[in-house]
Amino acid sequence: MRNFILIIAVFAISATIISANYKDQKMLRHVVLFKFKESATPEQIKKVEDAFKALPSKIKEVKAFEWGTNNSPEGLNEGLTHCFFVTFASEKDREAYLPHPEHKAFVEVLKPYLEKAVVVDYWAK
């Protein structure tokens, strides 16, 4: 039991240190929004979602990743249904990500089903 508590304490301290390091560091956000073709089936869209979700485990430059689907009651999404939020530590990391073979393979999965994409990158303040 004592060892278990010690292990938990070490993990908690490590997480705090890592979090503090990223908090002080400016992070580059890469926001990607998709509108899928009306002909895209739920299975095809899930294939795209799964392919995008797999990128952080394949591309070391990705520091954080999250995604979701639109649920805004405002009705201003103009058909954009999916938002993917990728975080990099530097422009150099983003420059490595964009032409990365795994990213290019993902784009090939996406292309047949995509009607529109919007991308915005910014430095978090």
N, C-alpha and C. Protein backbone atom coordinates (compact mmCIF):
# COMPACT_ATOMS: atom_id res chain seq x y z
N MET A 1 0.82 -1.19 0.00
CA MET A 1 0.00 0.00 0.00
C MET A 1 0.87 1.26 0.00
N ARG A 2 1.93 1.21 0.81
CA ARG A 2 2.83 2.36 0.89
C ARG A 2 3.49 2.62 -0.47
N ASN A 3 3.87 1.54 -1.17
CA ASN A 3 4.48 1.68 -2.50
C ASN A 3 3.48 2.26 -3.50
N PHE A 4 2.22 1.84 -3.39
CA PHE A 4 1.18 2.34 -4.28
C PHE A 4 1.01 3.85 -4.10
N ILE A 5 0.96 4.30 -2.86
CA ILE A 5 0.82 5.72 -2.57
C ILE A 5 2.03 6.49 -3.10
N LEU A 6 3.22 5.93 -2.95
CA LEU A 6 4.43 6.56 -3.45
C LEU A 6 4.39 6.69 -4.97
N ILE A 7 3.94 5.64 -5.65
CA ILE A 7 3.85 5.67 -7.11
C ILE A 7 2.85 6.73 -7.56
N ILE A 8 1.70 6.79 -6.91
CA ILE A 8 0.69 7.81 -7.25
C ILE A 8 1.26 9.21 -7.04
N ALA A 9 1.98 9.41 -5.95
CA ALA A 9 2.58 10.72 -5.66
C ALA A 9 3.59 11.11 -6.74
N VAL A 10 4.41 10.16 -7.17
CA VAL A 10 5.40 10.43 -8.22
C VAL A 10 4.69 10.82 -9.52
N PHE A 11 3.64 10.09 -9.90
CA PHE A 11 2.89 10.44 -11.11
C PHE A 11 2.26 11.82 -11.00
N ALA A 12 1.71 12.15 -9.84
CA ALA A 12 1.07 13.45 -9.65
C ALA A 12 2.10 14.58 -9.77
N ILE A 13 3.26 14.39 -9.17
CA ILE A 13 4.31 15.41 -9.25
C ILE A 13 4.80 15.55 -10.69
N SER A 14 4.98 14.43 -11.38
CA SER A 14 5.43 14.47 -12.78
C SER A 14 4.42 15.21 -13.65
N ALA A 15 3.14 14.92 -13.47
CA ALA A 15 2.10 15.58 -14.26
C ALA A 15 2.09 17.08 -14.00
N THR A 16 2.30 17.46 -12.75
CA THR A 16 2.32 18.88 -12.39
C THR A 16 3.50 19.58 -13.05
N ILE A 17 4.66 18.95 -13.04
CA ILE A 17 5.85 19.53 -13.65
C ILE A 17 5.66 19.67 -15.16
N ILE A 18 5.15 18.63 -15.81
CA ILE A 18 4.93 18.67 -17.25
C ILE A 18 3.92 19.77 -17.59
N SER A 19 2.84 19.83 -16.84
CA SER A 19 1.82 20.85 -17.06
C SER A 19 2.40 22.25 -16.89
N ALA A 20 3.21 22.43 -15.88
CA ALA A 20 3.81 23.75 -15.63
C ALA A 20 4.75 24.13 -16.77
N ASN A 21 5.48 23.16 -17.30
CA ASN A 21 6.39 23.44 -18.41
C ASN A 21 5.62 23.93 -19.63
N TYR A 22 4.51 23.28 -19.97
CA TYR A 22 3.72 23.69 -21.13
C TYR A 22 2.98 24.98 -20.86
N LYS A 23 2.62 25.25 -19.60
CA LYS A 23 1.89 26.47 -19.26
C LYS A 23 2.75 27.70 -19.54
N ASP A 24 4.04 27.61 -19.25
CA ASP A 24 4.94 28.73 -19.46
C ASP A 24 5.37 28.87 -20.92
N GLN A 25 5.15 27.85 -21.69
CA GLN A 25 5.59 27.82 -23.08
C GLN A 25 4.43 28.21 -23.99
N LYS A 26 4.69 29.10 -24.94
CA LYS A 26 3.66 29.42 -25.92
C LYS A 26 3.46 28.20 -26.81
N MET A 27 2.22 27.89 -27.09
CA MET A 27 1.91 26.73 -27.92
C MET A 27 1.23 27.20 -29.21
N LEU A 28 1.57 26.53 -30.29
CA LEU A 28 1.00 26.84 -31.59
C LEU A 28 -0.22 25.95 -31.80
N ARG A 29 -1.37 26.56 -32.00
CA ARG A 29 -2.62 25.82 -32.20
C ARG A 29 -2.93 25.74 -33.69
N HIS A 30 -3.36 24.58 -34.11
CA HIS A 30 -3.73 24.30 -35.50
C HIS A 30 -5.18 23.80 -35.44
N VAL A 31 -6.11 24.66 -35.84
CA VAL A 31 -7.53 24.35 -35.76
C VAL A 31 -8.04 24.01 -37.15
N VAL A 32 -8.67 22.83 -37.27
CA VAL A 32 -9.13 22.34 -38.56
C VAL A 32 -10.63 22.04 -38.46
N LEU A 33 -11.41 22.62 -39.37
CA LEU A 33 -12.85 22.40 -39.41
C LEU A 33 -13.22 21.72 -40.72
N PHE A 34 -14.11 20.72 -40.66
CA PHE A 34 -14.53 19.99 -41.86
C PHE A 34 -16.03 20.07 -42.07
N LYS A 35 -16.39 20.20 -43.35
CA LYS A 35 -17.75 19.98 -43.81
C LYS A 35 -17.66 18.80 -44.77
N PHE A 36 -18.43 17.77 -44.48
CA PHE A 36 -18.39 16.58 -45.33
C PHE A 36 -19.44 16.67 -46.43
N LYS A 37 -19.17 15.98 -47.52
CA LYS A 37 -20.13 15.90 -48.62
C LYS A 37 -21.42 15.25 -48.11
N GLU A 38 -22.55 15.66 -48.66
CA GLU A 38 -23.82 15.06 -48.26
C GLU A 38 -23.83 13.57 -48.54
N SER A 39 -23.06 13.14 -49.52
CA SER A 39 -23.02 11.72 -49.88
C SER A 39 -22.18 10.88 -48.91
N ALA A 40 -21.41 11.53 -48.04
CA ALA A 40 -20.56 10.79 -47.09
C ALA A 40 -21.43 10.07 -46.06
N THR A 41 -21.19 8.79 -45.90
CA THR A 41 -21.96 7.99 -44.94
C THR A 41 -21.36 8.13 -43.54
N PRO A 42 -22.13 7.80 -42.51
CA PRO A 42 -21.57 7.82 -41.15
C PRO A 42 -20.33 6.94 -41.02
N GLU A 43 -20.30 5.82 -41.72
CA GLU A 43 -19.14 4.92 -41.67
C GLU A 43 -17.91 5.58 -42.29
N GLN A 44 -18.11 6.27 -43.38
CA GLN A 44 -16.99 6.96 -44.03
C GLN A 44 -16.48 8.11 -43.17
N ILE A 45 -17.38 8.84 -42.54
CA ILE A 45 -16.97 9.92 -41.65
C ILE A 45 -16.22 9.37 -40.45
N LYS A 46 -16.68 8.24 -39.91
CA LYS A 46 -15.97 7.61 -38.78
C LYS A 46 -14.57 7.19 -39.20
N LYS A 47 -14.42 6.72 -40.42
CA LYS A 47 -13.11 6.34 -40.94
C LYS A 47 -12.17 7.55 -40.92
N VAL A 48 -12.68 8.72 -41.32
CA VAL A 48 -11.88 9.95 -41.29
C VAL A 48 -11.54 10.33 -39.85
N GLU A 49 -12.54 10.29 -38.96
CA GLU A 49 -12.31 10.60 -37.55
C GLU A 49 -11.21 9.71 -36.97
N ASP A 50 -11.33 8.41 -37.21
CA ASP A 50 -10.35 7.46 -36.67
C ASP A 50 -8.95 7.72 -37.23
N ALA A 51 -8.88 8.05 -38.51
CA ALA A 51 -7.57 8.33 -39.12
C ALA A 51 -6.94 9.58 -38.52
N PHE A 52 -7.75 10.62 -38.28
CA PHE A 52 -7.21 11.86 -37.69
C PHE A 52 -6.79 11.59 -36.25
N LYS A 53 -7.62 10.87 -35.50
CA LYS A 53 -7.31 10.58 -34.09
C LYS A 53 -6.02 9.78 -33.94
N ALA A 54 -5.65 9.03 -34.95
CA ALA A 54 -4.44 8.21 -34.89
C ALA A 54 -3.16 9.01 -35.11
N LEU A 55 -3.26 10.19 -35.69
CA LEU A 55 -2.05 10.96 -36.03
C LEU A 55 -1.16 11.29 -34.84
N PRO A 56 -1.69 11.70 -33.69
CA PRO A 56 -0.79 12.03 -32.58
C PRO A 56 0.12 10.88 -32.14
N SER A 57 -0.35 9.65 -32.29
CA SER A 57 0.50 8.51 -31.91
C SER A 57 1.53 8.19 -32.98
N LYS A 58 1.38 8.78 -34.15
CA LYS A 58 2.29 8.51 -35.27
C LYS A 58 3.24 9.66 -35.58
N ILE A 59 2.91 10.86 -35.09
CA ILE A 59 3.71 12.05 -35.40
C ILE A 59 4.11 12.70 -34.08
N LYS A 60 5.39 12.57 -33.73
CA LYS A 60 5.87 13.00 -32.41
C LYS A 60 5.77 14.51 -32.18
N GLU A 61 5.70 15.28 -33.24
CA GLU A 61 5.64 16.73 -33.09
C GLU A 61 4.29 17.22 -32.54
N VAL A 62 3.28 16.38 -32.58
CA VAL A 62 1.97 16.74 -32.03
C VAL A 62 2.06 16.66 -30.51
N LYS A 63 1.87 17.79 -29.84
CA LYS A 63 1.99 17.85 -28.38
C LYS A 63 0.66 17.60 -27.68
N ALA A 64 -0.44 17.96 -28.33
CA ALA A 64 -1.77 17.72 -27.77
C ALA A 64 -2.76 17.66 -28.92
N PHE A 65 -3.87 16.98 -28.67
CA PHE A 65 -4.88 16.78 -29.70
C PHE A 65 -6.24 16.62 -29.05
N GLU A 66 -7.24 17.26 -29.62
CA GLU A 66 -8.61 17.01 -29.21
C GLU A 66 -9.52 17.28 -30.39
N TRP A 67 -10.72 16.77 -30.32
CA TRP A 67 -11.65 16.97 -31.42
C TRP A 67 -13.07 16.82 -30.91
N GLY A 68 -14.00 17.26 -31.73
CA GLY A 68 -15.41 17.11 -31.39
C GLY A 68 -16.27 17.51 -32.58
N THR A 69 -17.57 17.32 -32.40
CA THR A 69 -18.51 17.69 -33.44
C THR A 69 -19.35 18.88 -32.97
N ASN A 70 -19.81 19.64 -33.93
CA ASN A 70 -20.57 20.85 -33.62
C ASN A 70 -21.84 20.53 -32.83
N ASN A 71 -22.07 21.30 -31.79
CA ASN A 71 -23.33 21.21 -31.07
C ASN A 71 -23.85 22.60 -30.71
N SER A 72 -23.41 23.60 -31.44
CA SER A 72 -23.82 24.98 -31.18
C SER A 72 -25.29 25.18 -31.55
N PRO A 73 -26.05 25.81 -30.68
CA PRO A 73 -27.45 26.10 -31.00
C PRO A 73 -27.61 27.33 -31.90
N GLU A 74 -26.52 28.03 -32.19
CA GLU A 74 -26.60 29.28 -32.95
C GLU A 74 -26.85 29.10 -34.44
N GLY A 75 -26.52 27.93 -34.97
CA GLY A 75 -26.74 27.68 -36.39
C GLY A 75 -25.84 28.47 -37.31
N LEU A 76 -24.65 28.81 -36.85
CA LEU A 76 -23.72 29.62 -37.65
C LEU A 76 -22.55 28.81 -38.21
N ASN A 77 -22.61 27.50 -38.13
CA ASN A 77 -21.49 26.65 -38.52
C ASN A 77 -21.34 26.46 -40.02
N GLU A 78 -22.32 26.91 -40.81
CA GLU A 78 -22.26 26.84 -42.27
C GLU A 78 -21.93 25.44 -42.78
N GLY A 79 -22.46 24.43 -42.10
CA GLY A 79 -22.25 23.05 -42.52
C GLY A 79 -20.99 22.40 -41.99
N LEU A 80 -20.13 23.18 -41.34
CA LEU A 80 -18.92 22.61 -40.73
C LEU A 80 -19.34 21.83 -39.49
N THR A 81 -19.01 20.55 -39.48
CA THR A 81 -19.51 19.68 -38.41
C THR A 81 -18.42 19.18 -37.46
N HIS A 82 -17.19 19.14 -37.92
CA HIS A 82 -16.10 18.55 -37.13
C HIS A 82 -14.99 19.57 -36.89
N CYS A 83 -14.50 19.60 -35.66
CA CYS A 83 -13.40 20.48 -35.29
C CYS A 83 -12.28 19.64 -34.69
N PHE A 84 -11.09 19.79 -35.24
CA PHE A 84 -9.90 19.11 -34.73
C PHE A 84 -8.91 20.17 -34.29
N PHE A 85 -8.33 19.97 -33.12
CA PHE A 85 -7.49 20.97 -32.47
C PHE A 85 -6.14 20.30 -32.19
N VAL A 86 -5.12 20.69 -32.94
CA VAL A 86 -3.79 20.09 -32.83
C VAL A 86 -2.83 21.14 -32.27
N THR A 87 -2.01 20.74 -31.30
CA THR A 87 -1.09 21.68 -30.66
C THR A 87 0.35 21.28 -30.95
N PHE A 88 1.15 22.29 -31.30
CA PHE A 88 2.58 22.12 -31.54
C PHE A 88 3.35 23.05 -30.62
N ALA A 89 4.60 22.70 -30.33
CA ALA A 89 5.45 23.55 -29.50
C ALA A 89 6.13 24.65 -30.32
N SER A 90 6.18 24.46 -31.65
CA SER A 90 6.91 25.43 -32.47
C SER A 90 6.42 25.38 -33.91
N GLU A 91 6.78 26.40 -34.66
CA GLU A 91 6.48 26.39 -36.09
C GLU A 91 7.26 25.28 -36.79
N LYS A 92 8.44 24.98 -36.29
CA LYS A 92 9.25 23.89 -36.84
C LYS A 92 8.50 22.56 -36.71
N ASP A 93 7.83 22.35 -35.57
CA ASP A 93 7.05 21.13 -35.38
C ASP A 93 5.89 21.07 -36.38
N ARG A 94 5.22 22.20 -36.58
CA ARG A 94 4.13 22.24 -37.56
C ARG A 94 4.67 21.97 -38.96
N GLU A 95 5.83 22.54 -39.26
CA GLU A 95 6.45 22.33 -40.57
C GLU A 95 6.82 20.86 -40.80
N ALA A 96 7.12 20.15 -39.72
CA ALA A 96 7.40 18.71 -39.84
C ALA A 96 6.10 17.91 -40.00
N TYR A 97 5.04 18.37 -39.37
CA TYR A 97 3.74 17.68 -39.39
C TYR A 97 3.07 17.74 -40.76
N LEU A 98 3.01 18.91 -41.35
CA LEU A 98 2.23 19.08 -42.58
C LEU A 98 2.68 18.16 -43.72
N PRO A 99 3.98 18.03 -44.01
CA PRO A 99 4.38 17.13 -45.09
C PRO A 99 4.67 15.69 -44.62
N HIS A 100 4.44 15.41 -43.34
CA HIS A 100 4.73 14.09 -42.79
C HIS A 100 3.95 13.02 -43.56
N PRO A 101 4.57 11.89 -43.87
CA PRO A 101 3.87 10.83 -44.63
C PRO A 101 2.56 10.37 -43.98
N GLU A 102 2.50 10.33 -42.66
CA GLU A 102 1.26 9.92 -42.00
C GLU A 102 0.17 10.97 -42.18
N HIS A 103 0.54 12.24 -42.15
CA HIS A 103 -0.45 13.31 -42.39
C HIS A 103 -0.93 13.25 -43.84
N LYS A 104 -0.01 13.04 -44.76
CA LYS A 104 -0.39 12.94 -46.17
C LYS A 104 -1.31 11.74 -46.41
N ALA A 105 -1.04 10.62 -45.72
CA ALA A 105 -1.91 9.45 -45.84
C ALA A 105 -3.31 9.76 -45.30
N PHE A 106 -3.36 10.50 -44.20
CA PHE A 106 -4.66 10.91 -43.65
C PHE A 106 -5.43 11.76 -44.67
N VAL A 107 -4.76 12.69 -45.30
CA VAL A 107 -5.42 13.57 -46.29
C VAL A 107 -6.02 12.73 -47.42
N GLU A 108 -5.35 11.66 -47.80
CA GLU A 108 -5.88 10.79 -48.85
C GLU A 108 -7.14 10.06 -48.39
N VAL A 109 -7.21 9.71 -47.10
CA VAL A 109 -8.42 9.10 -46.54
C VAL A 109 -9.56 10.13 -46.57
N LEU A 110 -9.25 11.36 -46.23
CA LEU A 110 -10.23 12.44 -46.12
C LEU A 110 -10.80 12.90 -47.46
N LYS A 111 -9.94 13.06 -48.45
CA LYS A 111 -10.30 13.72 -49.72
C LYS A 111 -11.63 13.28 -50.35
N PRO A 112 -11.92 11.99 -50.44
CA PRO A 112 -13.15 11.60 -51.14
C PRO A 112 -14.44 12.08 -50.47
N TYR A 113 -14.37 12.40 -49.18
CA TYR A 113 -15.57 12.73 -48.42
C TYR A 113 -15.68 14.20 -48.04
N LEU A 114 -14.64 14.96 -48.30
CA LEU A 114 -14.57 16.35 -47.85
C LEU A 114 -15.20 17.30 -48.86
N GLU A 115 -16.09 18.15 -48.36
CA GLU A 115 -16.63 19.22 -49.19
C GLU A 115 -15.87 20.51 -48.96
N LYS A 116 -15.54 20.80 -47.68
CA LYS A 116 -14.89 22.06 -47.36
C LYS A 116 -14.05 21.88 -46.09
N ALA A 117 -12.92 22.58 -46.07
CA ALA A 117 -12.08 22.62 -44.86
C ALA A 117 -11.72 24.07 -44.57
N VAL A 118 -11.64 24.38 -43.30
CA VAL A 118 -11.17 25.68 -42.84
C VAL A 118 -10.06 25.41 -41.84
N VAL A 119 -8.94 26.10 -42.00
CA VAL A 119 -7.80 25.91 -41.10
C VAL A 119 -7.36 27.27 -40.58
N VAL A 120 -7.18 27.36 -39.28
CA VAL A 120 -6.68 28.57 -38.64
C VAL A 120 -5.58 28.15 -37.67
N ASP A 121 -4.43 28.78 -37.78
CA ASP A 121 -3.33 28.53 -36.84
C ASP A 121 -3.08 29.81 -36.06
N TYR A 122 -2.75 29.65 -34.79
CA TYR A 122 -2.45 30.83 -33.96
C TYR A 122 -1.58 30.43 -32.78
N TRP A 123 -0.87 31.42 -32.26
CA TRP A 123 -0.09 31.24 -31.04
C TRP A 123 -1.00 31.50 -29.85
N ALA A 124 -1.12 30.54 -28.95
CA ALA A 124 -1.95 30.71 -27.76
C ALA A 124 -1.36 31.79 -26.87
N LYS A 125 -2.21 32.64 -26.34
CA LYS A 125 -1.77 33.73 -25.46
C LYS A 125 -2.28 33.49 -24.06
